[in-house]
Amino acid sequence: MPSVVSDKCKKCYSCVEVCPVDAFRESDDSEMLVISPEVCIDCGVCIAECPEGAIHADGEADDKWVKFNEEKAAVWGEAKK
């Protein structure tokens, strides 16, 4: 199960820096991060790194954020480290 970013994200990018597979995607205006379920290997490193508690395993996340991450990851570009 991949990880999921919620709206609690403050865009500190600590999660992006520790992701071993570059699974994070970023909106064009850099206002939001999401995780690509196609790339995420569910290692949990980002969950532990997030100071805001904004990242959860998809089984523990609200369904709207699971869907949001999946949809946006398909069209947004890779987050900059």
PDB file of N, CA and C in Angstrom:
ATOM      1  N   MET A   1       0.835  -1.182   0.000  1.00  0.00           N
ATOM      2  CA  MET A   1       0.000   0.000   0.000  1.00  0.00           C
ATOM      3  C   MET A   1       0.880   1.245   0.000  1.00  0.00           C
ATOM      4  N   PRO A   2       0.707   2.121  -0.978  1.00  0.00           N
ATOM      5  CA  PRO A   2       1.535   3.327  -1.039  1.00  0.00           C
ATOM      6  C   PRO A   2       1.136   4.334   0.036  1.00  0.00           C
ATOM      7  N   SER A   3       2.005   5.293   0.236  1.00  0.00           N
ATOM      8  CA  SER A   3       1.725   6.372   1.174  1.00  0.00           C
ATOM      9  C   SER A   3       0.904   7.446   0.476  1.00  0.00           C
ATOM     10  N   VAL A   4       0.221   8.275   1.278  1.00  0.00           N
ATOM     11  CA  VAL A   4      -0.692   9.297   0.771  1.00  0.00           C
ATOM     12  C   VAL A   4      -0.448  10.598   1.531  1.00  0.00           C
ATOM     13  N   VAL A   5      -0.406  11.723   0.805  1.00  0.00           N
ATOM     14  CA  VAL A   5      -0.253  13.045   1.414  1.00  0.00           C
ATOM     15  C   VAL A   5      -1.635  13.676   1.563  1.00  0.00           C
ATOM     16  N   SER A   6      -1.892  14.290   2.720  1.00  0.00           N
ATOM     17  CA  SER A   6      -3.157  14.990   2.952  1.00  0.00           C
ATOM     18  C   SER A   6      -2.938  16.497   2.915  1.00  0.00           C
ATOM     19  N   ASP A   7      -3.999  17.237   3.165  1.00  0.00           N
ATOM     20  CA  ASP A   7      -3.918  18.701   3.148  1.00  0.00           C
ATOM     21  C   ASP A   7      -3.212  19.279   4.379  1.00  0.00           C
ATOM     22  N   LYS A   8      -2.748  18.448   5.281  1.00  0.00           N
ATOM     23  CA  LYS A   8      -1.966  18.924   6.429  1.00  0.00           C
ATOM     24  C   LYS A   8      -0.536  19.273   6.023  1.00  0.00           C
ATOM     25  N   CYS A   9      -0.158  18.919   4.812  1.00  0.00           N
ATOM     26  CA  CYS A   9       1.196  19.145   4.308  1.00  0.00           C
ATOM     27  C   CYS A   9       1.527  20.636   4.289  1.00  0.00           C
ATOM     28  N   LYS A  10       2.687  20.993   4.830  1.00  0.00           N
ATOM     29  CA  LYS A  10       3.160  22.380   4.861  1.00  0.00           C
ATOM     30  C   LYS A  10       4.297  22.602   3.865  1.00  0.00           C
ATOM     31  N   LYS A  11       4.541  21.616   3.028  1.00  0.00           N
ATOM     32  CA  LYS A  11       5.548  21.697   1.965  1.00  0.00           C
ATOM     33  C   LYS A  11       6.953  22.015   2.492  1.00  0.00           C
ATOM     34  N   CYS A  12       7.365  21.302   3.509  1.00  0.00           N
ATOM     35  CA  CYS A  12       8.717  21.492   4.036  1.00  0.00           C
ATOM     36  C   CYS A  12       9.741  20.703   3.222  1.00  0.00           C
ATOM     37  N   TYR A  13       9.273  19.739   2.435  1.00  0.00           N
ATOM     38  CA  TYR A  13      10.082  18.927   1.523  1.00  0.00           C
ATOM     39  C   TYR A  13      11.021  17.943   2.204  1.00  0.00           C
ATOM     40  N   SER A  14      10.914  17.768   3.513  1.00  0.00           N
ATOM     41  CA  SER A  14      11.768  16.781   4.181  1.00  0.00           C
ATOM     42  C   SER A  14      11.449  15.376   3.679  1.00  0.00           C
ATOM     43  N   CYS A  15      10.200  15.131   3.352  1.00  0.00           N
ATOM     44  CA  CYS A  15       9.794  13.827   2.821  1.00  0.00           C
ATOM     45  C   CYS A  15      10.388  13.585   1.437  1.00  0.00           C
ATOM     46  N   VAL A  16      10.411  14.616   0.624  1.00  0.00           N
ATOM     47  CA  VAL A  16      10.947  14.507  -0.743  1.00  0.00           C
ATOM     48  C   VAL A  16      12.423  14.137  -0.690  1.00  0.00           C
ATOM     49  N   GLU A  17      13.136  14.725   0.254  1.00  0.00           N
ATOM     50  CA  GLU A  17      14.578  14.494   0.355  1.00  0.00           C
ATOM     51  C   GLU A  17      14.925  13.081   0.798  1.00  0.00           C
ATOM     52  N   VAL A  18      14.049  12.428   1.554  1.00  0.00           N
ATOM     53  CA  VAL A  18      14.368  11.085   2.048  1.00  0.00           C
ATOM     54  C   VAL A  18      13.782   9.965   1.189  1.00  0.00           C
ATOM     55  N   CYS A  19      12.916  10.291   0.252  1.00  0.00           N
ATOM     56  CA  CYS A  19      12.276   9.259  -0.568  1.00  0.00           C
ATOM     57  C   CYS A  19      13.305   8.574  -1.469  1.00  0.00           C
ATOM     58  N   PRO A  20      13.488   7.264  -1.311  1.00  0.00           N
ATOM     59  CA  PRO A  20      14.517   6.563  -2.086  1.00  0.00           C
ATOM     60  C   PRO A  20      14.150   6.333  -3.560  1.00  0.00           C
ATOM     61  N   VAL A  21      12.887   6.559  -3.920  1.00  0.00           N
ATOM     62  CA  VAL A  21      12.463   6.275  -5.298  1.00  0.00           C
ATOM     63  C   VAL A  21      11.852   7.490  -6.004  1.00  0.00           C
ATOM     64  N   ASP A  22      11.968   8.659  -5.428  1.00  0.00           N
ATOM     65  CA  ASP A  22      11.422   9.885  -6.034  1.00  0.00           C
ATOM     66  C   ASP A  22       9.939   9.747  -6.389  1.00  0.00           C
ATOM     67  N   ALA A  23       9.149   9.328  -5.425  1.00  0.00           N
ATOM     68  CA  ALA A  23       7.721   9.108  -5.638  1.00  0.00           C
ATOM     69  C   ALA A  23       6.879  10.373  -5.502  1.00  0.00           C
ATOM     70  N   PHE A  24       7.455  11.453  -5.017  1.00  0.00           N
ATOM     71  CA  PHE A  24       6.677  12.672  -4.800  1.00  0.00           C
ATOM     72  C   PHE A  24       6.491  13.450  -6.088  1.00  0.00           C
ATOM     73  N   ARG A  25       5.279  13.990  -6.245  1.00  0.00           N
ATOM     74  CA  ARG A  25       4.914  14.830  -7.373  1.00  0.00           C
ATOM     75  C   ARG A  25       4.444  16.162  -6.817  1.00  0.00           C
ATOM     76  N   GLU A  26       4.654  17.225  -7.604  1.00  0.00           N
ATOM     77  CA  GLU A  26       4.390  18.580  -7.128  1.00  0.00           C
ATOM     78  C   GLU A  26       3.557  19.345  -8.146  1.00  0.00           C
ATOM     79  N   SER A  27       2.597  20.134  -7.649  1.00  0.00           N
ATOM     80  CA  SER A  27       1.784  20.954  -8.550  1.00  0.00           C
ATOM     81  C   SER A  27       2.661  22.015  -9.201  1.00  0.00           C
ATOM     82  N   ASP A  28       2.218  22.528 -10.332  1.00  0.00           N
ATOM     83  CA  ASP A  28       2.989  23.539 -11.057  1.00  0.00           C
ATOM     84  C   ASP A  28       3.268  24.778 -10.219  1.00  0.00           C
ATOM     85  N   ASP A  29       2.342  25.119  -9.346  1.00  0.00           N
ATOM     86  CA  ASP A  29       2.525  26.302  -8.504  1.00  0.00           C
ATOM     87  C   ASP A  29       3.207  25.981  -7.171  1.00  0.00           C
ATOM     88  N   SER A  30       3.665  24.742  -7.015  1.00  0.00           N
ATOM     89  CA  SER A  30       4.373  24.278  -5.810  1.00  0.00           C
ATOM     90  C   SER A  30       3.536  24.405  -4.539  1.00  0.00           C
ATOM     91  N   GLU A  31       2.241  24.403  -4.670  1.00  0.00           N
ATOM     92  CA  GLU A  31       1.359  24.543  -3.514  1.00  0.00           C
ATOM     93  C   GLU A  31       1.001  23.221  -2.855  1.00  0.00           C
ATOM     94  N   MET A  32       1.277  22.104  -3.532  1.00  0.00           N
ATOM     95  CA  MET A  32       0.856  20.809  -2.987  1.00  0.00           C
ATOM     96  C   MET A  32       1.792  19.716  -3.449  1.00  0.00           C
ATOM     97  N   LEU A  33       1.995  18.745  -2.584  1.00  0.00           N
ATOM     98  CA  LEU A  33       2.736  17.536  -2.917  1.00  0.00           C
ATOM     99  C   LEU A  33       1.780  16.348  -2.856  1.00  0.00           C
ATOM    100  N   VAL A  34       2.021  15.371  -3.703  1.00  0.00           N
ATOM    101  CA  VAL A  34       1.312  14.096  -3.637  1.00  0.00           C
ATOM    102  C   VAL A  34       2.335  12.989  -3.865  1.00  0.00           C
ATOM    103  N   ILE A  35       1.903  11.754  -3.632  1.00  0.00           N
ATOM    104  CA  ILE A  35       2.776  10.600  -3.832  1.00  0.00           C
ATOM    105  C   ILE A  35       2.206   9.750  -4.949  1.00  0.00           C
ATOM    106  N   SER A  36       3.058   9.385  -5.881  1.00  0.00           N
ATOM    107  CA  SER A  36       2.634   8.516  -6.975  1.00  0.00           C
ATOM    108  C   SER A  36       2.510   7.084  -6.474  1.00  0.00           C
ATOM    109  N   PRO A  37       1.302   6.506  -6.545  1.00  0.00           N
ATOM    110  CA  PRO A  37       1.144   5.116  -6.107  1.00  0.00           C
ATOM    111  C   PRO A  37       1.857   4.137  -7.043  1.00  0.00           C
ATOM    112  N   GLU A  38       2.165   4.588  -8.252  1.00  0.00           N
ATOM    113  CA  GLU A  38       2.876   3.755  -9.218  1.00  0.00           C
ATOM    114  C   GLU A  38       4.369   3.639  -8.880  1.00  0.00           C
ATOM    115  N   VAL A  39       4.883   4.628  -8.153  1.00  0.00           N
ATOM    116  CA  VAL A  39       6.325   4.679  -7.855  1.00  0.00           C
ATOM    117  C   VAL A  39       6.622   4.302  -6.406  1.00  0.00           C
ATOM    118  N   CYS A  40       5.744   4.680  -5.487  1.00  0.00           N
ATOM    119  CA  CYS A  40       5.948   4.439  -4.056  1.00  0.00           C
ATOM    120  C   CYS A  40       6.165   2.951  -3.771  1.00  0.00           C
ATOM    121  N   ILE A  41       7.182   2.666  -2.970  1.00  0.00           N
ATOM    122  CA  ILE A  41       7.488   1.285  -2.594  1.00  0.00           C
ATOM    123  C   ILE A  41       7.031   0.974  -1.162  1.00  0.00           C
ATOM    124  N   ASP A  42       6.320   1.906  -0.545  1.00  0.00           N
ATOM    125  CA  ASP A  42       5.749   1.720   0.786  1.00  0.00           C
ATOM    126  C   ASP A  42       6.803   1.404   1.837  1.00  0.00           C
ATOM    127  N   CYS A  43       7.903   2.130   1.767  1.00  0.00           N
ATOM    128  CA  CYS A  43       8.967   1.908   2.756  1.00  0.00           C
ATOM    129  C   CYS A  43       8.667   2.612   4.086  1.00  0.00           C
ATOM    130  N   GLY A  44       7.795   3.648   4.053  1.00  0.00           N
ATOM    131  CA  GLY A  44       7.405   4.353   5.268  1.00  0.00           C
ATOM    132  C   GLY A  44       8.367   5.420   5.735  1.00  0.00           C
ATOM    133  N   VAL A  45       9.446   5.634   5.028  1.00  0.00           N
ATOM    134  CA  VAL A  45      10.437   6.631   5.450  1.00  0.00           C
ATOM    135  C   VAL A  45       9.811   8.020   5.501  1.00  0.00           C
ATOM    136  N   CYS A  46       8.998   8.356   4.511  1.00  0.00           N
ATOM    137  CA  CYS A  46       8.382   9.688   4.465  1.00  0.00           C
ATOM    138  C   CYS A  46       7.396   9.891   5.611  1.00  0.00           C
ATOM    139  N   ILE A  47       6.696   8.841   5.988  1.00  0.00           N
ATOM    140  CA  ILE A  47       5.731   8.943   7.083  1.00  0.00           C
ATOM    141  C   ILE A  47       6.451   9.329   8.369  1.00  0.00           C
ATOM    142  N   ALA A  48       7.551   8.669   8.632  1.00  0.00           N
ATOM    143  CA  ALA A  48       8.332   8.962   9.843  1.00  0.00           C
ATOM    144  C   ALA A  48       8.979  10.342   9.784  1.00  0.00           C
ATOM    145  N   GLU A  49       9.307  10.816   8.602  1.00  0.00           N
ATOM    146  CA  GLU A  49      10.009  12.089   8.427  1.00  0.00           C
ATOM    147  C   GLU A  49       9.080  13.299   8.528  1.00  0.00           C
ATOM    148  N   CYS A  50       7.809  13.132   8.244  1.00  0.00           N
ATOM    149  CA  CYS A  50       6.875  14.260   8.163  1.00  0.00           C
ATOM    150  C   CYS A  50       6.594  14.873   9.539  1.00  0.00           C
ATOM    151  N   PRO A  51       6.986  16.142   9.754  1.00  0.00           N
ATOM    152  CA  PRO A  51       6.755  16.776  11.052  1.00  0.00           C
ATOM    153  C   PRO A  51       5.299  17.168  11.280  1.00  0.00           C
ATOM    154  N   GLU A  52       4.491  17.190  10.227  1.00  0.00           N
ATOM    155  CA  GLU A  52       3.092  17.608  10.322  1.00  0.00           C
ATOM    156  C   GLU A  52       2.116  16.443  10.448  1.00  0.00           C
ATOM    157  N   GLY A  53       2.609  15.216  10.290  1.00  0.00           N
ATOM    158  CA  GLY A  53       1.720  14.064  10.310  1.00  0.00           C
ATOM    159  C   GLY A  53       0.771  14.058   9.122  1.00  0.00           C
ATOM    160  N   ALA A  54       1.253  14.556   7.985  1.00  0.00           N
ATOM    161  CA  ALA A  54       0.425  14.706   6.789  1.00  0.00           C
ATOM    162  C   ALA A  54       0.503  13.519   5.841  1.00  0.00           C
ATOM    163  N   ILE A  55       1.329  12.530   6.160  1.00  0.00           N
ATOM    164  CA  ILE A  55       1.498  11.379   5.278  1.00  0.00           C
ATOM    165  C   ILE A  55       1.080  10.118   6.031  1.00  0.00           C
ATOM    166  N   HIS A  56       0.264   9.308   5.348  1.00  0.00           N
ATOM    167  CA  HIS A  56      -0.266   8.084   5.945  1.00  0.00           C
ATOM    168  C   HIS A  56      -0.216   6.956   4.933  1.00  0.00           C
ATOM    169  N   ALA A  57      -0.225   5.731   5.412  1.00  0.00           N
ATOM    170  CA  ALA A  57      -0.410   4.580   4.529  1.00  0.00           C
ATOM    171  C   ALA A  57      -1.813   4.702   3.950  1.00  0.00           C
ATOM    172  N   ASP A  58      -2.005   4.286   2.694  1.00  0.00           N
ATOM    173  CA  ASP A  58      -3.310   4.509   2.065  1.00  0.00           C
ATOM    174  C   ASP A  58      -4.454   3.794   2.780  1.00  0.00           C
ATOM    175  N   GLY A  59      -4.173   2.744   3.490  1.00  0.00           N
ATOM    176  CA  GLY A  59      -5.212   2.058   4.252  1.00  0.00           C
ATOM    177  C   GLY A  59      -5.675   2.832   5.467  1.00  0.00           C
ATOM    178  N   GLU A  60      -4.891   3.813   5.897  1.00  0.00           N
ATOM    179  CA  GLU A  60      -5.227   4.641   7.054  1.00  0.00           C
ATOM    180  C   GLU A  60      -5.655   6.046   6.657  1.00  0.00           C
ATOM    181  N   ALA A  61      -5.545   6.373   5.371  1.00  0.00           N
ATOM    182  CA  ALA A  61      -5.851   7.717   4.888  1.00  0.00           C
ATOM    183  C   ALA A  61      -7.311   7.828   4.459  1.00  0.00           C
ATOM    184  N   ASP A  62      -7.823   9.033   4.502  1.00  0.00           N
ATOM    185  CA  ASP A  62      -9.168   9.316   4.009  1.00  0.00           C
ATOM    186  C   ASP A  62      -9.206   8.983   2.517  1.00  0.00           C
ATOM    187  N   ASP A  63     -10.273   8.343   2.074  1.00  0.00           N
ATOM    188  CA  ASP A  63     -10.393   7.938   0.672  1.00  0.00           C
ATOM    189  C   ASP A  63     -10.257   9.102  -0.303  1.00  0.00           C
ATOM    190  N   LYS A  64     -10.701  10.300   0.096  1.00  0.00           N
ATOM    191  CA  LYS A  64     -10.593  11.436  -0.821  1.00  0.00           C
ATOM    192  C   LYS A  64      -9.127  11.780  -1.101  1.00  0.00           C
ATOM    193  N   TRP A  65      -8.234  11.572  -0.100  1.00  0.00           N
ATOM    194  CA  TRP A  65      -6.817  11.872  -0.309  1.00  0.00           C
ATOM    195  C   TRP A  65      -6.127  10.762  -1.092  1.00  0.00           C
ATOM    196  N   VAL A  66      -6.585   9.542  -0.934  1.00  0.00           N
ATOM    197  CA  VAL A  66      -6.054   8.435  -1.731  1.00  0.00           C
ATOM    198  C   VAL A  66      -6.339   8.719  -3.206  1.00  0.00           C
ATOM    199  N   LYS A  67      -7.571   9.071  -3.495  1.00  0.00           N
ATOM    200  CA  LYS A  67      -7.968   9.365  -4.876  1.00  0.00           C
ATOM    201  C   LYS A  67      -7.256  10.610  -5.397  1.00  0.00           C
ATOM    202  N   PHE A  68      -7.168  11.650  -4.579  1.00  0.00           N
ATOM    203  CA  PHE A  68      -6.506  12.891  -4.978  1.00  0.00           C
ATOM    204  C   PHE A  68      -5.051  12.625  -5.342  1.00  0.00           C
ATOM    205  N   ASN A  69      -4.332  11.889  -4.501  1.00  0.00           N
ATOM    206  CA  ASN A  69      -2.929  11.577  -4.782  1.00  0.00           C
ATOM    207  C   ASN A  69      -2.796  10.796  -6.086  1.00  0.00           C
ATOM    208  N   GLU A  70      -3.658   9.820  -6.281  1.00  0.00           N
ATOM    209  CA  GLU A  70      -3.608   9.001  -7.494  1.00  0.00           C
ATOM    210  C   GLU A  70      -3.854   9.848  -8.747  1.00  0.00           C
ATOM    211  N   GLU A  71      -4.878  10.683  -8.707  1.00  0.00           N
ATOM    212  CA  GLU A  71      -5.222  11.507  -9.869  1.00  0.00           C
ATOM    213  C   GLU A  71      -4.148  12.546 -10.180  1.00  0.00           C
ATOM    214  N   LYS A  72      -3.693  13.257  -9.161  1.00  0.00           N
ATOM    215  CA  LYS A  72      -2.720  14.326  -9.387  1.00  0.00           C
ATOM    216  C   LYS A  72      -1.337  13.790  -9.733  1.00  0.00           C
ATOM    217  N   ALA A  73      -0.953  12.674  -9.161  1.00  0.00           N
ATOM    218  CA  ALA A  73       0.356  12.087  -9.456  1.00  0.00           C
ATOM    219  C   ALA A  73       0.481  11.723 -10.928  1.00  0.00           C
ATOM    220  N   ALA A  74      -0.648  11.428 -11.556  1.00  0.00           N
ATOM    221  CA  ALA A  74      -0.645  11.051 -12.973  1.00  0.00           C
ATOM    222  C   ALA A  74      -0.361  12.249 -13.887  1.00  0.00           C
ATOM    223  N   VAL A  75      -0.566  13.459 -13.392  1.00  0.00           N
ATOM    224  CA  VAL A  75      -0.398  14.642 -14.257  1.00  0.00           C
ATOM    225  C   VAL A  75       0.647  15.643 -13.764  1.00  0.00           C
ATOM    226  N   TRP A  76       1.004  15.589 -12.507  1.00  0.00           N
ATOM    227  CA  TRP A  76       2.000  16.518 -11.980  1.00  0.00           C
ATOM    228  C   TRP A  76       3.408  15.990 -12.192  1.00  0.00           C
ATOM    229  N   GLY A  77       4.375  16.898 -12.221  1.00  0.00           N
ATOM    230  CA  GLY A  77       5.768  16.514 -12.401  1.00  0.00           C
ATOM    231  C   GLY A  77       6.450  16.124 -11.100  1.00  0.00           C
ATOM    232  N   GLU A  78       7.606  15.515 -11.249  1.00  0.00           N
ATOM    233  CA  GLU A  78       8.394  15.079 -10.089  1.00  0.00           C
ATOM    234  C   GLU A  78       8.761  16.269  -9.213  1.00  0.00           C
ATOM    235  N   ALA A  79       8.646  16.100  -7.903  1.00  0.00           N
ATOM    236  CA  ALA A  79       8.992  17.162  -6.961  1.00  0.00           C
ATOM    237  C   ALA A  79      10.488  17.419  -6.981  1.00  0.00           C
ATOM    238  N   LYS A  80      10.837  18.691  -6.838  1.00  0.00           N
ATOM    239  CA  LYS A  80      12.257  19.083  -6.825  1.00  0.00           C
ATOM    240  C   LYS A  80      12.829  18.880  -5.440  1.00  0.00           C
ATOM    241  N   LYS A  81      14.030  18.344  -5.394  1.00  0.00           N
ATOM    242  CA  LYS A  81      14.699  18.133  -4.105  1.00  0.00           C
ATOM    243  C   LYS A  81      15.480  19.335  -3.709  1.00  0.00           C
TER     244      LYS A  81
END
